[in-house]
């Protein structure tokens, strides 16, 4: 499947990181929707139906791990792969426990982002 057929939702409250991830993934041909907060995210995602969610672990006013748990118990959203990112040391375990399928530690190399996105999308059946 070509990259442009995949729709990725990126959630990060840091505008610079959000812009950079969005630009880099668009450069690879992915369709990107960017959000800087998780407000009403479940309703938003049910309407959007992204193929992949890439989100920061710590968001202004929310813990991405709790947001992820809410995705994973929702029957309409539970099959969407989640990549969680964080600069906190030792965050990988708690992110995976919360339901994230993949984890990237900040700072990360673009090649690692592309590889993880590609790996996650390989599991998606459109």
N, C-alpha and C. Protein backbone atom coordinates (compact mmCIF):
# COMPACT_ATOMS: atom_id res chain seq x y z
N UNK A 1 0.85 -1.19 0.00
CA UNK A 1 0.00 0.00 0.00
C UNK A 1 0.89 1.24 0.00
N UNK A 2 0.53 2.21 -0.78
CA UNK A 2 1.29 3.45 -0.86
C UNK A 2 1.07 4.30 0.39
N UNK A 3 2.10 5.05 0.78
CA UNK A 3 2.03 5.86 1.99
C UNK A 3 0.85 6.82 2.01
N UNK A 4 0.51 7.42 0.84
CA UNK A 4 -0.54 8.43 0.83
C UNK A 4 -1.92 7.84 1.16
N UNK A 5 -2.01 6.53 1.17
CA UNK A 5 -3.28 5.91 1.54
C UNK A 5 -3.42 5.79 3.06
N UNK A 6 -2.35 6.07 3.79
CA UNK A 6 -2.37 5.97 5.24
C UNK A 6 -2.60 7.34 5.88
N UNK A 7 -3.47 7.36 6.87
CA UNK A 7 -3.80 8.59 7.59
C UNK A 7 -3.29 8.44 9.02
N UNK A 8 -2.42 9.34 9.43
CA UNK A 8 -1.81 9.30 10.76
C UNK A 8 -2.27 10.50 11.57
N UNK A 9 -2.71 10.25 12.80
CA UNK A 9 -3.05 11.30 13.74
C UNK A 9 -1.85 11.50 14.66
N UNK A 10 -1.32 12.73 14.68
CA UNK A 10 -0.18 13.07 15.54
C UNK A 10 -0.69 14.02 16.63
N UNK A 11 -0.41 13.65 17.90
CA UNK A 11 -0.85 14.47 19.03
C UNK A 11 0.38 14.81 19.88
N UNK A 12 0.70 16.10 19.94
CA UNK A 12 1.81 16.57 20.78
C UNK A 12 1.54 18.02 21.13
N UNK A 13 1.75 18.38 22.40
CA UNK A 13 1.47 19.75 22.82
C UNK A 13 2.64 20.70 22.56
N UNK A 14 3.76 20.19 22.08
CA UNK A 14 4.89 21.02 21.71
C UNK A 14 4.77 21.36 20.23
N UNK A 15 4.49 22.62 19.92
CA UNK A 15 4.24 23.05 18.54
C UNK A 15 5.41 22.73 17.61
N UNK A 16 6.65 22.89 18.09
CA UNK A 16 7.82 22.63 17.25
C UNK A 16 7.92 21.15 16.90
N UNK A 17 7.72 20.28 17.88
CA UNK A 17 7.79 18.84 17.63
C UNK A 17 6.64 18.42 16.72
N UNK A 18 5.45 18.93 16.98
CA UNK A 18 4.29 18.61 16.16
C UNK A 18 4.54 19.00 14.71
N UNK A 19 5.05 20.20 14.49
CA UNK A 19 5.34 20.68 13.14
C UNK A 19 6.39 19.80 12.47
N UNK A 20 7.45 19.46 13.20
CA UNK A 20 8.54 18.68 12.63
C UNK A 20 8.07 17.27 12.24
N UNK A 21 7.34 16.61 13.14
CA UNK A 21 6.86 15.26 12.84
C UNK A 21 5.90 15.30 11.66
N UNK A 22 4.98 16.27 11.68
CA UNK A 22 4.01 16.40 10.59
C UNK A 22 4.73 16.61 9.25
N UNK A 23 5.68 17.52 9.23
CA UNK A 23 6.41 17.82 7.98
C UNK A 23 7.20 16.60 7.48
N UNK A 24 7.86 15.91 8.40
CA UNK A 24 8.67 14.76 7.99
C UNK A 24 7.80 13.62 7.45
N UNK A 25 6.68 13.36 8.09
CA UNK A 25 5.81 12.28 7.63
C UNK A 25 5.10 12.66 6.32
N UNK A 26 4.73 13.94 6.19
CA UNK A 26 4.13 14.38 4.92
C UNK A 26 5.14 14.26 3.79
N UNK A 27 6.42 14.52 4.09
CA UNK A 27 7.47 14.38 3.09
C UNK A 27 7.55 12.94 2.58
N UNK A 28 7.21 11.99 3.43
CA UNK A 28 7.20 10.57 3.05
C UNK A 28 5.89 10.17 2.39
N UNK A 29 4.96 11.13 2.27
CA UNK A 29 3.73 10.86 1.55
C UNK A 29 2.52 10.50 2.39
N UNK A 30 2.66 10.50 3.70
CA UNK A 30 1.53 10.16 4.56
C UNK A 30 0.57 11.34 4.68
N UNK A 31 -0.72 11.03 4.87
CA UNK A 31 -1.71 12.06 5.18
C UNK A 31 -1.69 12.25 6.69
N UNK A 32 -1.51 13.48 7.15
CA UNK A 32 -1.34 13.75 8.58
C UNK A 32 -2.42 14.70 9.09
N UNK A 33 -2.98 14.35 10.23
CA UNK A 33 -3.81 15.28 10.99
C UNK A 33 -3.07 15.53 12.29
N UNK A 34 -2.86 16.80 12.62
CA UNK A 34 -2.10 17.16 13.82
C UNK A 34 -3.04 17.79 14.84
N UNK A 35 -2.85 17.38 16.11
CA UNK A 35 -3.60 17.96 17.22
C UNK A 35 -2.62 18.33 18.31
N UNK A 36 -2.84 19.47 18.95
CA UNK A 36 -1.93 19.88 20.03
C UNK A 36 -2.51 19.60 21.41
N UNK A 37 -3.69 18.96 21.46
CA UNK A 37 -4.27 18.59 22.75
C UNK A 37 -5.21 17.39 22.56
N UNK A 38 -5.47 16.66 23.64
CA UNK A 38 -6.33 15.49 23.54
C UNK A 38 -7.80 15.77 23.85
N UNK A 39 -8.18 17.05 23.87
CA UNK A 39 -9.56 17.41 24.20
C UNK A 39 -10.54 16.78 23.21
N UNK A 40 -11.56 16.10 23.75
CA UNK A 40 -12.58 15.41 22.93
C UNK A 40 -11.97 14.46 21.91
N UNK A 41 -10.83 13.86 22.26
CA UNK A 41 -10.09 13.09 21.28
C UNK A 41 -10.81 11.81 20.85
N UNK A 42 -11.55 11.17 21.74
CA UNK A 42 -12.24 9.93 21.38
C UNK A 42 -13.29 10.21 20.30
N UNK A 43 -14.11 11.22 20.51
CA UNK A 43 -15.13 11.58 19.51
C UNK A 43 -14.45 11.98 18.21
N UNK A 44 -13.39 12.76 18.31
CA UNK A 44 -12.63 13.20 17.14
C UNK A 44 -12.10 11.99 16.37
N UNK A 45 -11.53 11.03 17.08
CA UNK A 45 -10.94 9.87 16.43
C UNK A 45 -11.98 8.95 15.82
N UNK A 46 -13.12 8.81 16.46
CA UNK A 46 -14.18 7.98 15.89
C UNK A 46 -14.62 8.53 14.54
N UNK A 47 -14.64 9.85 14.40
CA UNK A 47 -14.99 10.48 13.12
C UNK A 47 -13.84 10.40 12.12
N UNK A 48 -12.61 10.58 12.60
CA UNK A 48 -11.43 10.61 11.73
C UNK A 48 -11.03 9.23 11.23
N UNK A 49 -11.09 8.24 12.11
CA UNK A 49 -10.67 6.87 11.82
C UNK A 49 -9.27 6.81 11.22
N UNK A 50 -8.26 7.28 11.97
CA UNK A 50 -6.88 7.23 11.45
C UNK A 50 -6.38 5.78 11.39
N UNK A 51 -5.35 5.57 10.60
CA UNK A 51 -4.72 4.26 10.51
C UNK A 51 -3.69 4.06 11.62
N UNK A 52 -3.19 5.16 12.17
CA UNK A 52 -2.13 5.12 13.17
C UNK A 52 -2.23 6.36 14.04
N UNK A 53 -1.90 6.20 15.33
CA UNK A 53 -1.84 7.33 16.26
C UNK A 53 -0.41 7.45 16.76
N UNK A 54 0.14 8.63 16.65
CA UNK A 54 1.48 8.92 17.17
C UNK A 54 1.30 10.03 18.19
N UNK A 55 1.58 9.75 19.46
CA UNK A 55 1.29 10.76 20.47
C UNK A 55 2.35 10.81 21.56
N UNK A 56 2.47 12.02 22.13
CA UNK A 56 3.38 12.24 23.24
C UNK A 56 2.78 11.63 24.50
N UNK A 57 3.65 11.18 25.39
CA UNK A 57 3.18 10.59 26.64
C UNK A 57 2.63 11.66 27.58
N UNK A 58 3.29 12.82 27.65
CA UNK A 58 2.83 13.88 28.54
C UNK A 58 2.29 15.04 27.72
N UNK A 59 1.00 15.27 27.86
CA UNK A 59 0.33 16.34 27.13
C UNK A 59 -0.19 17.35 28.14
N UNK A 60 -0.29 18.59 27.74
CA UNK A 60 -0.82 19.62 28.64
C UNK A 60 -2.21 19.21 29.11
N UNK A 61 -2.33 19.05 30.41
CA UNK A 61 -3.62 18.72 30.98
C UNK A 61 -4.03 17.26 30.87
N UNK A 62 -3.16 16.40 30.35
CA UNK A 62 -3.53 14.99 30.20
C UNK A 62 -2.29 14.10 30.20
N UNK A 63 -2.49 12.89 30.64
CA UNK A 63 -1.45 11.87 30.58
C UNK A 63 -1.75 11.00 29.36
N UNK A 64 -0.85 10.99 28.41
CA UNK A 64 -1.05 10.22 27.19
C UNK A 64 -1.30 8.75 27.44
N UNK A 65 -0.77 8.23 28.55
CA UNK A 65 -1.01 6.83 28.88
C UNK A 65 -2.48 6.59 29.19
N UNK A 66 -3.11 7.53 29.88
CA UNK A 66 -4.55 7.41 30.17
C UNK A 66 -5.37 7.56 28.89
N UNK A 67 -4.96 8.48 28.05
CA UNK A 67 -5.63 8.67 26.76
C UNK A 67 -5.54 7.38 25.95
N UNK A 68 -4.35 6.77 25.94
CA UNK A 68 -4.15 5.52 25.21
C UNK A 68 -5.04 4.41 25.76
N UNK A 69 -5.14 4.29 27.08
CA UNK A 69 -6.02 3.28 27.68
C UNK A 69 -7.45 3.46 27.18
N UNK A 70 -7.90 4.71 27.08
CA UNK A 70 -9.25 4.99 26.59
C UNK A 70 -9.42 4.58 25.13
N UNK A 71 -8.38 4.76 24.31
CA UNK A 71 -8.44 4.30 22.91
C UNK A 71 -8.66 2.79 22.88
N UNK A 72 -7.85 2.12 23.68
CA UNK A 72 -7.76 0.67 23.58
C UNK A 72 -8.98 -0.07 24.13
N UNK A 73 -9.81 0.58 24.95
CA UNK A 73 -11.04 -0.06 25.42
C UNK A 73 -12.24 0.29 24.54
N UNK A 74 -12.04 1.18 23.58
CA UNK A 74 -13.11 1.58 22.66
C UNK A 74 -13.09 0.63 21.46
N UNK A 75 -14.17 -0.10 21.24
CA UNK A 75 -14.20 -1.10 20.17
C UNK A 75 -13.91 -0.52 18.79
N UNK A 76 -14.31 0.73 18.54
CA UNK A 76 -14.06 1.35 17.24
C UNK A 76 -12.60 1.76 17.05
N UNK A 77 -11.86 1.91 18.15
CA UNK A 77 -10.50 2.44 18.07
C UNK A 77 -9.42 1.45 18.51
N UNK A 78 -9.81 0.37 19.14
CA UNK A 78 -8.83 -0.52 19.78
C UNK A 78 -7.84 -1.16 18.82
N UNK A 79 -8.21 -1.29 17.56
CA UNK A 79 -7.30 -1.93 16.60
C UNK A 79 -6.31 -0.96 15.96
N UNK A 80 -6.43 0.34 16.27
CA UNK A 80 -5.51 1.33 15.69
C UNK A 80 -4.19 1.27 16.44
N UNK A 81 -3.08 1.04 15.73
CA UNK A 81 -1.79 1.02 16.42
C UNK A 81 -1.45 2.40 16.99
N UNK A 82 -0.81 2.37 18.16
CA UNK A 82 -0.40 3.60 18.84
C UNK A 82 1.12 3.58 19.04
N UNK A 83 1.77 4.65 18.59
CA UNK A 83 3.18 4.87 18.88
C UNK A 83 3.23 6.00 19.89
N UNK A 84 3.81 5.74 21.05
CA UNK A 84 3.93 6.77 22.07
C UNK A 84 5.37 7.25 22.11
N UNK A 85 5.55 8.56 22.29
CA UNK A 85 6.89 9.15 22.36
C UNK A 85 7.04 9.88 23.69
N UNK A 86 8.27 9.89 24.21
CA UNK A 86 8.52 10.59 25.46
C UNK A 86 10.01 10.83 25.64
N UNK A 87 10.32 11.92 26.33
CA UNK A 87 11.71 12.22 26.68
C UNK A 87 12.05 11.68 28.06
N UNK A 88 11.06 11.16 28.78
CA UNK A 88 11.31 10.66 30.13
C UNK A 88 12.06 9.33 30.07
N UNK A 89 13.12 9.23 30.87
CA UNK A 89 13.83 7.95 30.91
C UNK A 89 12.92 6.87 31.50
N UNK A 90 13.06 5.68 31.00
CA UNK A 90 12.30 4.53 31.51
C UNK A 90 10.79 4.65 31.29
N UNK A 91 10.36 5.43 30.32
CA UNK A 91 8.92 5.59 30.07
C UNK A 91 8.35 4.47 29.21
N UNK A 92 9.19 3.75 28.51
CA UNK A 92 8.72 2.73 27.57
C UNK A 92 7.80 1.72 28.23
N UNK A 93 8.19 1.21 29.39
CA UNK A 93 7.39 0.19 30.06
C UNK A 93 5.99 0.65 30.39
N UNK A 94 5.86 1.84 30.96
CA UNK A 94 4.53 2.32 31.34
C UNK A 94 3.68 2.65 30.11
N UNK A 95 4.32 3.07 29.02
CA UNK A 95 3.58 3.35 27.79
C UNK A 95 3.03 2.05 27.19
N UNK A 96 3.86 1.03 27.15
CA UNK A 96 3.42 -0.26 26.61
C UNK A 96 2.32 -0.86 27.51
N UNK A 97 2.48 -0.74 28.82
CA UNK A 97 1.46 -1.22 29.75
C UNK A 97 0.12 -0.52 29.54
N UNK A 98 0.16 0.74 29.12
CA UNK A 98 -1.09 1.50 28.92
C UNK A 98 -1.77 1.15 27.60
N UNK A 99 -1.10 0.34 26.78
CA UNK A 99 -1.72 -0.08 25.53
C UNK A 99 -1.00 0.37 24.28
N UNK A 100 0.03 1.19 24.43
CA UNK A 100 0.79 1.61 23.24
C UNK A 100 1.42 0.38 22.60
N UNK A 101 1.43 0.36 21.29
CA UNK A 101 2.01 -0.77 20.57
C UNK A 101 3.50 -0.59 20.34
N UNK A 102 3.94 0.67 20.30
CA UNK A 102 5.34 0.99 20.03
C UNK A 102 5.74 2.19 20.89
N UNK A 103 7.04 2.36 21.09
CA UNK A 103 7.55 3.47 21.87
C UNK A 103 8.80 4.03 21.20
N UNK A 104 8.91 5.35 21.17
CA UNK A 104 10.12 6.04 20.71
C UNK A 104 10.55 7.02 21.79
N UNK A 105 11.80 6.93 22.20
CA UNK A 105 12.33 7.88 23.17
C UNK A 105 12.82 9.13 22.47
N UNK A 106 12.50 10.29 23.05
CA UNK A 106 12.99 11.56 22.53
C UNK A 106 14.36 11.85 23.12
N UNK A 107 15.25 12.43 22.41
CA UNK A 107 15.16 12.71 20.97
C UNK A 107 15.35 11.42 20.18
N UNK A 108 14.73 11.37 19.02
CA UNK A 108 14.86 10.19 18.17
C UNK A 108 15.33 10.62 16.79
N UNK A 109 15.93 9.70 16.10
CA UNK A 109 16.38 9.93 14.73
C UNK A 109 15.18 9.77 13.80
N UNK A 110 15.14 10.55 12.73
CA UNK A 110 14.05 10.45 11.77
C UNK A 110 13.95 9.04 11.19
N UNK A 111 15.08 8.42 10.95
CA UNK A 111 15.04 7.06 10.40
C UNK A 111 14.33 6.10 11.36
N UNK A 112 14.48 6.33 12.67
CA UNK A 112 13.79 5.49 13.65
C UNK A 112 12.28 5.76 13.64
N UNK A 113 11.89 7.03 13.48
CA UNK A 113 10.48 7.37 13.36
C UNK A 113 9.89 6.70 12.13
N UNK A 114 10.56 6.85 10.98
CA UNK A 114 10.05 6.26 9.74
C UNK A 114 9.94 4.74 9.85
N UNK A 115 10.94 4.11 10.46
CA UNK A 115 10.93 2.66 10.61
C UNK A 115 9.77 2.21 11.50
N UNK A 116 9.57 2.90 12.62
CA UNK A 116 8.50 2.52 13.55
C UNK A 116 7.13 2.74 12.92
N UNK A 117 6.96 3.85 12.22
CA UNK A 117 5.69 4.12 11.52
C UNK A 117 5.43 3.04 10.47
N UNK A 118 6.44 2.73 9.69
CA UNK A 118 6.31 1.71 8.65
C UNK A 118 5.97 0.35 9.25
N UNK A 119 6.63 -0.01 10.33
CA UNK A 119 6.37 -1.28 11.01
C UNK A 119 4.94 -1.32 11.53
N UNK A 120 4.49 -0.25 12.17
CA UNK A 120 3.14 -0.19 12.72
C UNK A 120 2.10 -0.27 11.61
N UNK A 121 2.33 0.43 10.52
CA UNK A 121 1.35 0.44 9.43
C UNK A 121 1.31 -0.89 8.67
N UNK A 122 2.36 -1.66 8.77
CA UNK A 122 2.38 -2.98 8.12
C UNK A 122 1.33 -3.90 8.73
N UNK A 123 0.88 -3.58 9.94
CA UNK A 123 -0.13 -4.41 10.62
C UNK A 123 -1.56 -3.95 10.31
N UNK A 124 -1.70 -2.83 9.60
CA UNK A 124 -3.02 -2.24 9.34
C UNK A 124 -3.63 -2.87 8.09
N UNK A 125 -4.88 -3.27 8.22
CA UNK A 125 -5.62 -3.80 7.07
C UNK A 125 -6.68 -2.80 6.66
N UNK A 126 -6.44 -2.11 5.57
CA UNK A 126 -7.44 -1.13 5.09
C UNK A 126 -8.42 -1.80 4.16
